[in-house]
Amino acid sequence: MSVKKQYTAEDKAKVAIAALSGNITLNEITSKFQVHATQIKSWKDIARSSIISGFKDGGKQKQPDGDLVDELYRQIGQLKVELEWLKKKSALFA
């Protein structure tokens, strides 16, 4: 029974950058990183499309969803109130 090797995002990025750079051949990348050529091509294609999409909006990062931000601020406020209440109650037992 063979165990699939799990690659981190950093590992995949290193392989993709090596493939995109064109400084070494596909066979050399395969030997160096111990990754199958088909997998290298897949990661290279993903990296290329991610780079392209990163430049489509002028390099601007997407803003978080307003509803999500509002909900998170509401939760933070609630947690602050609960924390203050717990501090007061714990002072009674000290």
N, C-alpha and C. Protein backbone atom coordinates (compact mmCIF):
# COMPACT_ATOMS: atom_id res chain seq x y z
N MET A 1 0.84 -1.17 0.00
CA MET A 1 0.00 0.00 0.00
C MET A 1 0.89 1.24 0.00
N SER A 2 0.65 2.14 -0.96
CA SER A 2 1.47 3.34 -1.04
C SER A 2 0.78 4.49 -0.32
N VAL A 3 1.58 5.36 0.24
CA VAL A 3 1.07 6.51 0.96
C VAL A 3 1.31 7.74 0.09
N LYS A 4 0.26 8.53 -0.14
CA LYS A 4 0.39 9.73 -0.95
C LYS A 4 1.16 10.78 -0.16
N LYS A 5 2.13 11.38 -0.82
CA LYS A 5 2.87 12.46 -0.19
C LYS A 5 2.02 13.72 -0.23
N GLN A 6 1.96 14.41 0.88
CA GLN A 6 1.22 15.66 0.96
C GLN A 6 2.20 16.81 0.80
N TYR A 7 1.90 17.70 -0.12
CA TYR A 7 2.77 18.85 -0.38
C TYR A 7 2.13 20.10 0.20
N THR A 8 2.95 20.92 0.83
CA THR A 8 2.44 22.19 1.35
C THR A 8 2.29 23.17 0.20
N ALA A 9 1.58 24.25 0.47
CA ALA A 9 1.42 25.30 -0.54
C ALA A 9 2.78 25.87 -0.91
N GLU A 10 3.67 25.96 0.06
CA GLU A 10 5.02 26.48 -0.20
C GLU A 10 5.79 25.55 -1.14
N ASP A 11 5.66 24.23 -0.92
CA ASP A 11 6.32 23.26 -1.79
C ASP A 11 5.80 23.39 -3.22
N LYS A 12 4.48 23.49 -3.35
CA LYS A 12 3.86 23.60 -4.67
C LYS A 12 4.31 24.88 -5.36
N ALA A 13 4.40 25.96 -4.60
CA ALA A 13 4.84 27.25 -5.17
C ALA A 13 6.28 27.17 -5.66
N LYS A 14 7.15 26.53 -4.89
CA LYS A 14 8.55 26.39 -5.31
C LYS A 14 8.66 25.63 -6.63
N VAL A 15 7.90 24.55 -6.73
CA VAL A 15 7.91 23.74 -7.95
C VAL A 15 7.36 24.55 -9.12
N ALA A 16 6.25 25.24 -8.89
CA ALA A 16 5.63 26.03 -9.95
C ALA A 16 6.54 27.15 -10.41
N ILE A 17 7.21 27.82 -9.49
CA ILE A 17 8.13 28.90 -9.85
C ILE A 17 9.30 28.36 -10.66
N ALA A 18 9.81 27.21 -10.26
CA ALA A 18 10.89 26.59 -11.01
C ALA A 18 10.44 26.26 -12.44
N ALA A 19 9.21 25.77 -12.56
CA ALA A 19 8.68 25.42 -13.88
C ALA A 19 8.43 26.67 -14.72
N LEU A 20 7.92 27.71 -14.10
CA LEU A 20 7.64 28.95 -14.82
C LEU A 20 8.91 29.68 -15.24
N SER A 21 9.95 29.56 -14.44
CA SER A 21 11.18 30.30 -14.74
C SER A 21 11.84 29.84 -16.03
N GLY A 22 11.74 28.55 -16.33
CA GLY A 22 12.33 28.03 -17.55
C GLY A 22 13.84 27.87 -17.50
N ASN A 23 14.41 28.04 -16.32
CA ASN A 23 15.87 27.93 -16.18
C ASN A 23 16.34 26.49 -16.16
N ILE A 24 15.46 25.57 -15.74
CA ILE A 24 15.82 24.16 -15.72
C ILE A 24 14.72 23.37 -16.43
N THR A 25 15.07 22.21 -16.91
CA THR A 25 14.13 21.40 -17.69
C THR A 25 13.12 20.71 -16.77
N LEU A 26 12.07 20.23 -17.37
CA LEU A 26 11.04 19.51 -16.63
C LEU A 26 11.63 18.27 -15.96
N ASN A 27 12.52 17.57 -16.66
CA ASN A 27 13.16 16.39 -16.07
C ASN A 27 14.00 16.76 -14.85
N GLU A 28 14.68 17.89 -14.91
CA GLU A 28 15.48 18.33 -13.76
C GLU A 28 14.59 18.70 -12.57
N ILE A 29 13.45 19.35 -12.87
CA ILE A 29 12.51 19.70 -11.80
C ILE A 29 11.95 18.43 -11.17
N THR A 30 11.59 17.47 -12.01
CA THR A 30 11.07 16.19 -11.52
C THR A 30 12.06 15.52 -10.58
N SER A 31 13.32 15.49 -10.97
CA SER A 31 14.36 14.86 -10.14
C SER A 31 14.60 15.64 -8.86
N LYS A 32 14.69 16.95 -8.98
CA LYS A 32 15.02 17.80 -7.84
C LYS A 32 13.94 17.75 -6.75
N PHE A 33 12.66 17.83 -7.16
CA PHE A 33 11.58 17.92 -6.19
C PHE A 33 10.83 16.60 -5.97
N GLN A 34 11.19 15.56 -6.72
CA GLN A 34 10.54 14.26 -6.61
C GLN A 34 9.02 14.37 -6.81
N VAL A 35 8.64 15.08 -7.88
CA VAL A 35 7.24 15.28 -8.23
C VAL A 35 7.06 14.84 -9.67
N HIS A 36 5.94 14.18 -9.95
CA HIS A 36 5.65 13.70 -11.29
C HIS A 36 5.45 14.88 -12.24
N ALA A 37 5.84 14.71 -13.50
CA ALA A 37 5.76 15.77 -14.50
C ALA A 37 4.33 16.28 -14.69
N THR A 38 3.36 15.39 -14.63
CA THR A 38 1.96 15.80 -14.78
C THR A 38 1.55 16.73 -13.65
N GLN A 39 1.99 16.43 -12.44
CA GLN A 39 1.67 17.27 -11.29
C GLN A 39 2.35 18.63 -11.42
N ILE A 40 3.57 18.64 -11.91
CA ILE A 40 4.29 19.90 -12.11
C ILE A 40 3.54 20.78 -13.09
N LYS A 41 3.07 20.20 -14.19
CA LYS A 41 2.34 20.97 -15.18
C LYS A 41 1.05 21.53 -14.58
N SER A 42 0.37 20.75 -13.77
CA SER A 42 -0.86 21.20 -13.12
C SER A 42 -0.59 22.39 -12.20
N TRP A 43 0.44 22.28 -11.35
CA TRP A 43 0.77 23.37 -10.44
C TRP A 43 1.23 24.60 -11.20
N LYS A 44 1.94 24.40 -12.30
CA LYS A 44 2.39 25.51 -13.14
C LYS A 44 1.18 26.25 -13.72
N ASP A 45 0.19 25.51 -14.20
CA ASP A 45 -1.02 26.12 -14.76
C ASP A 45 -1.80 26.89 -13.69
N ILE A 46 -1.89 26.32 -12.49
CA ILE A 46 -2.59 26.99 -11.39
C ILE A 46 -1.86 28.29 -11.03
N ALA A 47 -0.55 28.23 -10.96
CA ALA A 47 0.24 29.42 -10.62
C ALA A 47 0.07 30.49 -11.69
N ARG A 48 0.11 30.09 -12.94
CA ARG A 48 -0.03 31.05 -14.03
C ARG A 48 -1.40 31.74 -13.97
N SER A 49 -2.46 30.97 -13.77
CA SER A 49 -3.80 31.57 -13.73
C SER A 49 -3.97 32.45 -12.49
N SER A 50 -3.35 32.08 -11.38
CA SER A 50 -3.44 32.89 -10.17
C SER A 50 -2.70 34.21 -10.35
N ILE A 51 -1.58 34.17 -11.01
CA ILE A 51 -0.82 35.39 -11.28
C ILE A 51 -1.63 36.32 -12.17
N ILE A 52 -2.22 35.76 -13.21
CA ILE A 52 -3.00 36.57 -14.14
C ILE A 52 -4.20 37.20 -13.43
N SER A 53 -4.92 36.41 -12.63
CA SER A 53 -6.09 36.96 -11.93
C SER A 53 -5.68 38.01 -10.91
N GLY A 54 -4.49 37.91 -10.37
CA GLY A 54 -4.00 38.90 -9.42
C GLY A 54 -3.78 40.26 -10.04
N PHE A 55 -3.52 40.30 -11.33
CA PHE A 55 -3.29 41.56 -12.01
C PHE A 55 -4.53 42.12 -12.69
N LYS A 56 -5.60 41.37 -12.76
CA LYS A 56 -6.80 41.82 -13.46
C LYS A 56 -7.44 43.04 -12.82
N ASP A 57 -7.43 43.14 -11.50
CA ASP A 57 -8.04 44.27 -10.80
C ASP A 57 -7.00 45.34 -10.47
N GLY A 58 -5.94 45.39 -11.23
CA GLY A 58 -4.90 46.37 -10.95
C GLY A 58 -4.10 46.04 -9.71
N GLY A 59 -4.13 44.78 -9.29
CA GLY A 59 -3.38 44.35 -8.11
C GLY A 59 -4.05 44.70 -6.80
N LYS A 60 -5.29 45.21 -6.87
CA LYS A 60 -6.00 45.57 -5.64
C LYS A 60 -6.56 44.33 -4.98
N GLN A 61 -6.44 44.28 -3.66
CA GLN A 61 -6.98 43.15 -2.92
C GLN A 61 -8.48 43.36 -2.75
N LYS A 62 -9.21 42.27 -2.75
CA LYS A 62 -10.66 42.35 -2.56
C LYS A 62 -10.96 42.77 -1.13
N GLN A 63 -11.98 43.61 -1.00
CA GLN A 63 -12.44 44.04 0.31
C GLN A 63 -13.34 42.97 0.91
N PRO A 64 -13.28 42.76 2.21
CA PRO A 64 -14.14 41.77 2.83
C PRO A 64 -15.61 42.17 2.70
N ASP A 65 -16.46 41.18 2.75
CA ASP A 65 -17.89 41.37 2.66
C ASP A 65 -18.37 42.22 3.84
N GLY A 66 -19.13 43.27 3.54
CA GLY A 66 -19.59 44.19 4.58
C GLY A 66 -20.43 43.52 5.65
N ASP A 67 -21.31 42.60 5.25
CA ASP A 67 -22.16 41.90 6.22
C ASP A 67 -21.32 41.06 7.18
N LEU A 68 -20.30 40.43 6.64
CA LEU A 68 -19.41 39.61 7.48
C LEU A 68 -18.67 40.48 8.48
N VAL A 69 -18.17 41.61 8.03
CA VAL A 69 -17.44 42.53 8.91
C VAL A 69 -18.37 43.03 10.02
N ASP A 70 -19.60 43.41 9.65
CA ASP A 70 -20.56 43.88 10.66
C ASP A 70 -20.84 42.79 11.70
N GLU A 71 -21.01 41.56 11.25
CA GLU A 71 -21.28 40.45 12.16
C GLU A 71 -20.09 40.21 13.10
N LEU A 72 -18.89 40.29 12.56
CA LEU A 72 -17.70 40.09 13.39
C LEU A 72 -17.56 41.19 14.44
N TYR A 73 -17.82 42.44 14.05
CA TYR A 73 -17.77 43.53 15.03
C TYR A 73 -18.83 43.34 16.12
N ARG A 74 -20.03 42.86 15.74
CA ARG A 74 -21.08 42.60 16.70
C ARG A 74 -20.63 41.55 17.71
N GLN A 75 -20.00 40.48 17.19
CA GLN A 75 -19.52 39.41 18.07
C GLN A 75 -18.43 39.92 19.00
N ILE A 76 -17.54 40.76 18.49
CA ILE A 76 -16.47 41.31 19.33
C ILE A 76 -17.07 42.14 20.46
N GLY A 77 -18.07 42.97 20.12
CA GLY A 77 -18.73 43.78 21.14
C GLY A 77 -19.38 42.93 22.21
N GLN A 78 -20.05 41.88 21.78
CA GLN A 78 -20.71 40.98 22.72
C GLN A 78 -19.69 40.31 23.63
N LEU A 79 -18.59 39.87 23.06
CA LEU A 79 -17.55 39.21 23.86
C LEU A 79 -16.92 40.17 24.86
N LYS A 80 -16.76 41.44 24.48
CA LYS A 80 -16.21 42.43 25.42
C LYS A 80 -17.16 42.62 26.60
N VAL A 81 -18.46 42.71 26.32
CA VAL A 81 -19.45 42.86 27.39
C VAL A 81 -19.40 41.66 28.32
N GLU A 82 -19.36 40.47 27.75
CA GLU A 82 -19.31 39.25 28.56
C GLU A 82 -18.04 39.19 29.40
N LEU A 83 -16.92 39.61 28.82
CA LEU A 83 -15.65 39.61 29.54
C LEU A 83 -15.70 40.56 30.73
N GLU A 84 -16.23 41.75 30.54
CA GLU A 84 -16.35 42.71 31.64
C GLU A 84 -17.27 42.16 32.74
N TRP A 85 -18.36 41.53 32.36
CA TRP A 85 -19.28 40.95 33.32
C TRP A 85 -18.58 39.87 34.14
N LEU A 86 -17.80 39.01 33.43
CA LEU A 86 -17.08 37.95 34.14
C LEU A 86 -16.02 38.51 35.08
N LYS A 87 -15.36 39.58 34.68
CA LYS A 87 -14.35 40.21 35.54
C LYS A 87 -15.00 40.72 36.82
N LYS A 88 -16.16 41.35 36.69
CA LYS A 88 -16.86 41.88 37.87
C LYS A 88 -17.31 40.75 38.80
N LYS A 89 -17.84 39.69 38.20
CA LYS A 89 -18.32 38.57 39.02
C LYS A 89 -17.16 37.85 39.69
N SER A 90 -16.06 37.70 39.00
CA SER A 90 -14.92 37.00 39.61
C SER A 90 -14.30 37.83 40.71
N ALA A 91 -14.43 39.15 40.67
CA ALA A 91 -13.91 40.01 41.74
C ALA A 91 -14.66 39.77 43.04
N LEU A 92 -15.93 39.37 42.94
CA LEU A 92 -16.73 39.10 44.13
C LEU A 92 -16.22 37.87 44.88
N PHE A 93 -15.62 36.92 44.15
CA PHE A 93 -15.14 35.69 44.77
C PHE A 93 -13.68 35.77 45.21
N ALA A 94 -13.02 36.85 44.92
CA ALA A 94 -11.60 36.99 45.24
C ALA A 94 -11.40 37.46 46.65
